[in-house]
Amino acid sequence: MSSAQTLKPMTSTMWLRYMVEAINSSGQDGLDLAQKVGIDLDMLHVPEGALADQLCYDLLNAAALESGNRDFGLAAANTFKPTAIGALGYSMMTAENLDAALSRCTNYIGSLTSATSARLIAAEDGKCFEIHFQHARLPEVRQVHEFCSLFTLNFLRWITGQELHPLRIAFTHRSPNRPAIYRRLFRCPIFFDAECVSMQFSKAQLAIPLLTANDSLASIHDRFAEQRMQQFGVSPYTQQARRLIAKLLPDGEPSRNDIATRLNLTDRTFQRRLEEEGTQFSDILDDVRQNMAHIYLANENISLHESACLLGFSGQSSFTRAINRWFNCTPRELRLQINKRGGDRAPKKTAPKRRL
């Protein structure tokens, strides 16, 4: 599948959906705020969708303003949910130790957003994990940067099973002059007005083995992360096709003509546009289903029968054949492999005001 430059930096709808859930947990109406800042609420139902990255900043800033909580980003990140970062999280979880997990993050952060990059560089007594946000020097970045940093640290604490305290953490924004909350949450020296957001870990911390390490699953999760990265850079008709297929699958398998009609194109013109972008409809449909199958089977609250229906299969047998073709195992076996550890240890959320 060929790639083209996207017009705007994009972020996974799964990540934005988690932000909405975090806002709900604070007692605000996350969906109402999302709609006010211009988020397409229908897209929040599309597991592999993507929306403009700027919406993350707009959403958290709106939540901070409405709540009157200047530390909203930090508070929201404490509603930690490991599955919120999708393919990136699964890839990091299968690593051998913390060092390898951070290295995987630098490789696959593009599966979550095209607006952020990361690198791991040598530092005194360890390594420095740098997060480079595209909007790092724009006004009002604080909520997103703090939200992402604390979420990352909570995720690392979760996969190591230890209360990690970095050697230091740095932010690009100015100090809000409220050191107590930073000391309580990060438990390490905090620096401001830095060139980039970063966390420094010692050699001993980097060597900590992960509770979730799994060599046999590593290649599967890495492949999904690689595919997800490609989706942020695909050509426009391919991207629109993926979005519409994911949205229509619960009602049955959409045809190429179904998608063409929704794009106000003839079936023949749509086919030609996809060929110009180096792909064909059947490959897109298969790829979307494969990615979404992984997402649904990771969620044990969705039955195997429901997973088959959500993916637009006519029956359980066709779903089973597809899973065997993609993963060389049955749906039940794949679910057991993905959830071998036995689920999240995330805190329970309060009931949202409206169903997502």
Protein backbone atom coordinates (compact mmCIF):
# COMPACT_ATOMS: atom_id res chain seq x y z
CA MET A 1 0.00 0.00 0.00
CA SER A 2 1.50 3.31 -1.04
CA SER A 3 1.76 6.27 1.34
CA ALA A 4 1.10 9.97 0.96
CA GLN A 5 1.57 12.89 3.28
CA THR A 6 -1.48 13.58 5.43
CA LEU A 7 -2.76 17.15 5.42
CA LYS A 8 -2.82 17.38 9.22
CA PRO A 9 -1.09 15.48 12.00
CA MET A 10 -3.53 12.82 13.19
CA THR A 11 -4.15 11.00 16.46
CA SER A 12 -5.96 7.72 17.10
CA THR A 13 -9.66 7.99 17.96
CA MET A 14 -8.96 5.34 20.62
CA TRP A 15 -6.74 7.87 22.43
CA LEU A 16 -9.31 10.66 22.06
CA ARG A 17 -12.04 8.32 23.30
CA TYR A 18 -9.96 7.63 26.40
CA MET A 19 -9.65 11.40 26.96
CA VAL A 20 -13.45 11.67 26.78
CA GLU A 21 -13.79 8.85 29.33
CA ALA A 22 -11.28 10.57 31.61
CA ILE A 23 -13.28 13.78 31.41
CA ASN A 24 -16.45 11.85 32.27
CA SER A 25 -14.69 10.43 35.31
CA SER A 26 -14.01 13.97 36.52
CA GLY A 27 -17.76 14.64 36.62
CA GLN A 28 -17.95 16.63 33.38
CA ASP A 29 -19.76 15.65 30.19
CA GLY A 30 -16.92 14.50 27.96
CA LEU A 31 -19.07 13.98 24.89
CA ASP A 32 -20.56 17.45 25.17
CA LEU A 33 -17.10 19.00 25.39
CA ALA A 34 -15.88 16.83 22.51
CA GLN A 35 -18.71 18.04 20.33
CA LYS A 36 -18.06 21.66 21.29
CA VAL A 37 -14.42 21.49 20.17
CA GLY A 38 -15.38 19.91 16.84
CA ILE A 39 -14.86 16.17 17.37
CA ASP A 40 -17.00 13.92 15.16
CA LEU A 41 -18.70 11.80 17.84
CA ASP A 42 -19.42 9.02 15.32
CA MET A 43 -15.67 8.59 14.83
CA LEU A 44 -15.23 7.74 18.51
CA HIS A 45 -16.99 4.45 17.73
CA VAL A 46 -14.40 3.56 15.06
CA PRO A 47 -11.59 1.62 16.84
CA GLU A 48 -8.97 2.26 14.17
CA GLY A 49 -10.01 5.77 13.19
CA ALA A 50 -7.97 8.96 13.40
CA LEU A 51 -8.77 12.64 13.96
CA ALA A 52 -6.78 15.88 13.88
CA ASP A 53 -4.22 15.93 16.70
CA GLN A 54 -5.07 19.54 17.56
CA LEU A 55 -8.39 18.25 18.94
CA CYS A 56 -6.51 16.61 21.85
CA TYR A 57 -5.22 20.02 22.93
CA ASP A 58 -8.59 21.70 22.40
CA LEU A 59 -10.45 19.00 24.37
CA LEU A 60 -8.20 18.97 27.46
CA ASN A 61 -7.90 22.75 27.53
CA ALA A 62 -11.71 23.03 27.37
CA ALA A 63 -12.04 20.52 30.22
CA ALA A 64 -9.50 22.40 32.34
CA LEU A 65 -11.28 25.70 31.70
CA GLU A 66 -14.77 24.37 32.44
CA SER A 67 -13.69 22.50 35.58
CA GLY A 68 -11.57 25.36 36.91
CA ASN A 69 -8.85 22.81 37.65
CA ARG A 70 -5.50 24.12 36.42
CA ASP A 71 -4.01 20.65 36.97
CA PHE A 72 -6.70 18.86 34.98
CA GLY A 73 -4.28 17.01 32.68
CA LEU A 74 -2.56 15.40 35.66
CA ALA A 75 -5.85 14.51 37.33
CA ALA A 76 -7.26 12.98 34.14
CA ALA A 77 -4.16 10.83 33.57
CA ASN A 78 -4.78 9.18 36.93
CA THR A 79 -7.84 7.47 35.44
CA PHE A 80 -5.20 5.27 33.79
CA LYS A 81 -6.40 2.60 31.34
CA PRO A 82 -3.62 0.44 29.79
CA THR A 83 -5.55 -0.42 26.62
CA ALA A 84 -6.00 3.28 25.72
CA ILE A 85 -2.91 3.29 23.49
CA GLY A 86 -3.87 0.21 21.53
CA ALA A 87 -1.22 -1.40 19.34
CA LEU A 88 1.56 0.71 20.85
CA GLY A 89 0.76 -0.54 24.34
CA TYR A 90 0.54 -4.18 23.31
CA SER A 91 3.91 -3.96 21.58
CA MET A 92 5.56 -2.36 24.63
CA MET A 93 4.01 -4.92 26.98
CA THR A 94 5.65 -7.87 25.24
CA ALA A 95 9.18 -6.46 25.65
CA GLU A 96 11.74 -8.14 27.88
CA ASN A 97 12.46 -5.19 30.18
CA LEU A 98 11.82 -1.47 30.63
CA ASP A 99 14.67 -0.52 28.30
CA ALA A 100 13.22 -2.65 25.49
CA ALA A 101 9.71 -1.32 26.13
CA LEU A 102 10.88 2.29 25.77
CA SER A 103 12.78 1.35 22.63
CA ARG A 104 9.60 -0.14 21.19
CA CYS A 105 7.76 3.07 22.03
CA THR A 106 10.26 5.04 19.95
CA ASN A 107 9.67 2.63 17.05
CA TYR A 108 5.88 2.46 17.19
CA ILE A 109 4.60 5.71 18.67
CA GLY A 110 3.48 6.47 15.13
CA SER A 111 0.76 3.85 15.59
CA LEU A 112 -0.93 6.21 18.07
CA THR A 113 -0.24 9.61 16.52
CA SER A 114 1.54 11.16 13.57
CA ALA A 115 2.11 14.37 15.56
CA THR A 116 4.57 13.00 18.12
CA SER A 117 7.91 11.19 17.98
CA ALA A 118 10.15 9.74 20.68
CA ARG A 119 13.76 8.76 21.12
CA LEU A 120 15.85 7.03 23.75
CA ILE A 121 19.35 8.44 24.24
CA ALA A 122 22.24 7.66 26.56
CA ALA A 123 22.47 9.80 29.70
CA GLU A 124 24.41 9.79 32.92
CA ASP A 125 23.71 6.53 34.78
CA GLY A 126 21.05 5.43 32.30
CA LYS A 127 18.97 6.74 29.40
CA CYS A 128 16.72 9.69 28.70
CA PHE A 129 13.35 9.03 27.05
CA GLU A 130 12.41 12.11 25.02
CA ILE A 131 8.92 12.85 23.69
CA HIS A 132 8.81 15.39 20.87
CA PHE A 133 5.37 16.95 20.39
CA GLN A 134 4.78 18.77 17.12
CA HIS A 135 2.99 21.57 19.01
CA ALA A 136 5.59 21.78 21.80
CA ARG A 137 6.11 25.54 21.53
CA LEU A 138 2.53 26.64 20.94
CA PRO A 139 0.47 28.25 23.74
CA GLU A 140 -1.54 26.08 26.12
CA VAL A 141 0.32 22.80 25.64
CA ARG A 142 0.57 22.10 29.34
CA GLN A 143 -2.58 19.98 29.79
CA VAL A 144 -1.70 17.55 26.97
CA HIS A 145 1.98 17.28 27.86
CA GLU A 146 1.27 16.56 31.51
CA PHE A 147 -1.57 14.19 30.65
CA CYS A 148 0.63 12.19 28.25
CA SER A 149 3.65 12.19 30.56
CA LEU A 150 1.80 10.93 33.62
CA PHE A 151 -0.11 8.36 31.54
CA THR A 152 3.22 7.10 30.17
CA LEU A 153 4.73 6.82 33.63
CA ASN A 154 1.61 5.06 34.95
CA PHE A 155 1.81 2.63 32.03
CA LEU A 156 5.48 1.92 32.75
CA ARG A 157 4.66 1.37 36.41
CA TRP A 158 1.93 -1.05 35.37
CA ILE A 159 4.05 -3.21 33.06
CA THR A 160 6.95 -3.35 35.54
CA GLY A 161 4.77 -3.83 38.62
CA GLN A 162 6.90 -1.25 40.42
CA GLU A 163 6.36 2.31 41.65
CA LEU A 164 8.91 3.80 39.26
CA HIS A 165 10.45 7.14 40.21
CA PRO A 166 12.41 8.60 37.26
CA LEU A 167 15.68 10.35 37.99
CA ARG A 168 14.13 13.51 36.54
CA ILE A 169 11.30 14.73 34.33
CA ALA A 170 11.30 17.83 32.13
CA PHE A 171 8.50 19.85 30.48
CA THR A 172 8.61 22.55 27.81
CA HIS A 173 6.10 24.85 29.52
CA ARG A 174 6.78 27.25 32.34
CA SER A 175 6.53 26.20 35.96
CA PRO A 176 2.98 26.57 37.34
CA ASN A 177 4.56 27.18 40.78
CA ARG A 178 2.68 24.35 42.45
CA PRO A 179 5.45 21.81 43.15
CA ALA A 180 3.48 19.69 45.65
CA ILE A 181 1.28 17.98 43.06
CA TYR A 182 4.30 17.15 40.88
CA ARG A 183 6.22 15.67 43.81
CA ARG A 184 3.21 13.58 44.79
CA LEU A 185 2.56 12.16 41.32
CA PHE A 186 6.03 11.88 39.77
CA ARG A 187 8.17 11.62 42.93
CA CYS A 188 11.29 12.98 41.27
CA PRO A 189 12.89 16.35 40.43
CA ILE A 190 10.84 18.30 37.84
CA PHE A 191 12.31 20.83 35.39
CA PHE A 192 10.49 23.35 33.19
CA ASP A 193 11.23 25.46 30.09
CA ALA A 194 13.09 22.47 28.62
CA GLU A 195 13.72 21.81 24.94
CA CYS A 196 11.47 18.74 24.99
CA VAL A 197 9.38 16.61 27.35
CA SER A 198 11.59 13.88 28.80
CA MET A 199 12.04 11.28 31.53
CA GLN A 200 15.39 9.94 32.67
CA PHE A 201 15.76 6.40 34.04
CA SER A 202 18.70 4.72 35.74
CA LYS A 203 20.45 1.63 34.39
CA ALA A 204 18.94 -0.42 37.22
CA GLN A 205 15.44 0.76 36.32
CA LEU A 206 15.96 0.05 32.62
CA ALA A 207 16.90 -3.54 33.47
CA ILE A 208 13.62 -4.22 35.34
CA PRO A 209 11.92 -7.23 33.69
CA LEU A 210 8.31 -6.75 32.59
CA LEU A 211 5.45 -8.71 34.11
CA THR A 212 3.87 -8.76 30.66
CA ALA A 213 6.90 -9.96 28.64
CA ASN A 214 5.95 -12.51 25.98
CA ASP A 215 8.31 -13.45 23.16
CA SER A 216 5.70 -15.51 21.32
CA LEU A 217 3.32 -12.53 21.05
CA ALA A 218 5.95 -9.89 20.29
CA SER A 219 5.99 -10.38 16.53
CA ILE A 220 2.17 -10.32 16.31
CA HIS A 221 1.86 -7.08 18.28
CA ASP A 222 4.77 -5.47 16.43
CA ARG A 223 3.12 -6.26 13.11
CA PHE A 224 -0.11 -4.59 14.21
CA ALA A 225 1.79 -1.54 15.40
CA GLU A 226 3.58 -1.31 12.04
CA GLN A 227 0.30 -1.58 10.13
CA ARG A 228 -1.28 1.06 12.32
CA MET A 229 1.61 3.44 11.64
CA GLN A 230 1.08 3.06 7.91
CA GLN A 231 -2.58 4.01 8.26
CA PHE A 232 -1.71 7.53 9.37
CA GLY A 233 0.09 8.13 6.10
CA VAL A 234 -2.15 6.42 3.56
CA SER A 235 -3.62 8.21 0.58
CA PRO A 236 -6.94 10.04 1.00
CA TYR A 237 -9.32 7.60 -0.72
CA THR A 238 -7.77 4.65 1.08
CA GLN A 239 -8.08 6.46 4.39
CA GLN A 240 -11.72 7.38 3.77
CA ALA A 241 -12.49 3.82 2.71
CA ARG A 242 -10.96 2.44 5.90
CA ARG A 243 -13.01 4.83 8.03
CA LEU A 244 -16.30 3.99 6.30
CA ILE A 245 -15.67 0.24 6.27
CA ALA A 246 -15.00 0.26 10.02
CA LYS A 247 -18.15 2.26 10.59
CA LEU A 248 -20.40 0.05 8.41
CA LEU A 249 -19.13 -3.43 9.34
CA PRO A 250 -21.54 -3.96 12.29
CA ASP A 251 -24.40 -3.79 9.74
CA GLY A 252 -22.79 -6.41 7.50
CA GLU A 253 -19.95 -6.54 5.00
CA PRO A 254 -20.02 -3.37 2.87
CA SER A 255 -19.41 -3.62 -0.85
CA ARG A 256 -17.08 -1.44 -2.85
CA ASN A 257 -20.14 0.24 -4.37
CA ASP A 258 -21.52 0.97 -0.88
CA ILE A 259 -18.37 2.89 -0.03
CA ALA A 260 -18.20 4.60 -3.43
CA THR A 261 -21.79 5.83 -3.03
CA ARG A 262 -20.98 7.39 0.35
CA LEU A 263 -18.01 9.15 -1.25
CA ASN A 264 -20.23 10.44 -4.08
CA LEU A 265 -18.25 8.44 -6.64
CA THR A 266 -19.17 5.82 -9.17
CA ASP A 267 -17.93 2.35 -8.37
CA ARG A 268 -15.58 2.45 -11.36
CA THR A 269 -14.11 5.84 -10.42
CA PHE A 270 -13.59 4.70 -6.83
CA GLN A 271 -11.82 1.56 -8.04
CA ARG A 272 -9.54 3.68 -10.24
CA ARG A 273 -8.72 6.05 -7.35
CA LEU A 274 -7.70 3.12 -5.14
CA GLU A 275 -5.56 1.65 -7.92
CA GLU A 276 -3.80 5.00 -8.27
CA GLU A 277 -3.03 4.80 -4.54
CA GLY A 278 -1.61 1.31 -4.97
CA THR A 279 -4.33 -0.80 -3.40
CA GLN A 280 -7.71 -2.44 -3.98
CA PHE A 281 -10.93 -2.58 -2.02
CA SER A 282 -10.72 -6.26 -1.01
CA ASP A 283 -7.29 -5.70 0.58
CA ILE A 284 -8.53 -2.68 2.55
CA LEU A 285 -11.58 -4.60 3.78
CA ASP A 286 -9.44 -7.54 4.86
CA ASP A 287 -6.90 -5.31 6.61
CA VAL A 288 -9.54 -3.32 8.51
CA ARG A 289 -11.22 -6.53 9.67
CA GLN A 290 -7.93 -8.02 10.78
CA ASN A 291 -7.01 -4.96 12.85
CA MET A 292 -10.45 -4.68 14.40
CA ALA A 293 -10.56 -8.41 15.17
CA HIS A 294 -7.47 -7.93 17.30
CA ILE A 295 -9.15 -5.04 19.14
CA TYR A 296 -12.43 -6.89 19.76
CA LEU A 297 -10.79 -10.14 20.87
CA ALA A 298 -8.65 -8.20 23.34
CA ASN A 299 -11.88 -7.09 25.03
CA GLU A 300 -13.27 -10.03 26.99
CA ASN A 301 -16.56 -8.18 27.48
CA ILE A 302 -17.28 -8.76 23.77
CA SER A 303 -18.28 -12.36 23.06
CA LEU A 304 -16.89 -14.28 20.10
CA HIS A 305 -20.32 -14.19 18.48
CA GLU A 306 -20.55 -10.42 18.96
CA SER A 307 -17.05 -10.02 17.53
CA ALA A 308 -18.09 -11.89 14.38
CA CYS A 309 -21.19 -9.68 14.02
CA LEU A 310 -19.25 -6.45 14.62
CA LEU A 311 -16.85 -7.47 11.87
CA GLY A 312 -19.69 -8.05 9.42
CA PHE A 313 -19.28 -11.82 9.04
CA SER A 314 -22.36 -13.77 8.02
CA GLY A 315 -21.68 -16.52 10.55
CA GLN A 316 -19.30 -17.84 13.18
CA SER A 317 -17.66 -20.29 10.78
CA SER A 318 -16.58 -17.57 8.32
CA PHE A 319 -15.21 -15.55 11.25
CA THR A 320 -13.25 -18.57 12.50
CA ARG A 321 -11.81 -19.23 9.03
CA ALA A 322 -10.69 -15.61 8.73
CA ILE A 323 -8.99 -15.64 12.15
CA ASN A 324 -7.22 -18.88 11.25
CA ARG A 325 -6.03 -17.35 7.97
CA TRP A 326 -4.73 -14.20 9.68
CA PHE A 327 -3.29 -15.66 12.88
CA ASN A 328 -3.09 -19.43 12.35
CA CYS A 329 -5.30 -20.13 15.38
CA THR A 330 -8.95 -20.03 16.47
CA PRO A 331 -10.66 -16.88 17.83
CA ARG A 332 -10.70 -18.38 21.32
CA GLU A 333 -6.99 -19.25 21.14
CA LEU A 334 -6.13 -15.73 19.96
CA ARG A 335 -8.14 -14.18 22.80
CA LEU A 336 -6.28 -16.33 25.31
CA GLN A 337 -2.92 -15.30 23.80
CA ILE A 338 -3.77 -11.59 23.85
CA ASN A 339 -5.15 -11.67 27.38
CA LYS A 340 -2.75 -14.22 28.79
CA ARG A 341 -2.00 -12.02 31.76
CA GLY A 342 -5.64 -11.84 32.78
CA GLY A 343 -6.79 -8.30 32.00
CA ASP A 344 -6.11 -4.75 33.11
CA ARG A 345 -5.43 -3.60 36.61
CA ALA A 346 -6.89 -0.21 35.82
CA PRO A 347 -9.07 1.57 38.35
CA LYS A 348 -12.82 1.37 37.80
CA LYS A 349 -14.42 4.32 36.09
CA THR A 350 -17.50 6.15 37.28
CA ALA A 351 -20.48 5.78 34.99
CA PRO A 352 -20.34 8.23 32.05
CA LYS A 353 -23.13 10.72 31.60
CA ARG A 354 -23.77 9.47 28.09
CA ARG A 355 -22.86 6.18 26.52
CA LEU A 356 -19.82 6.28 24.26
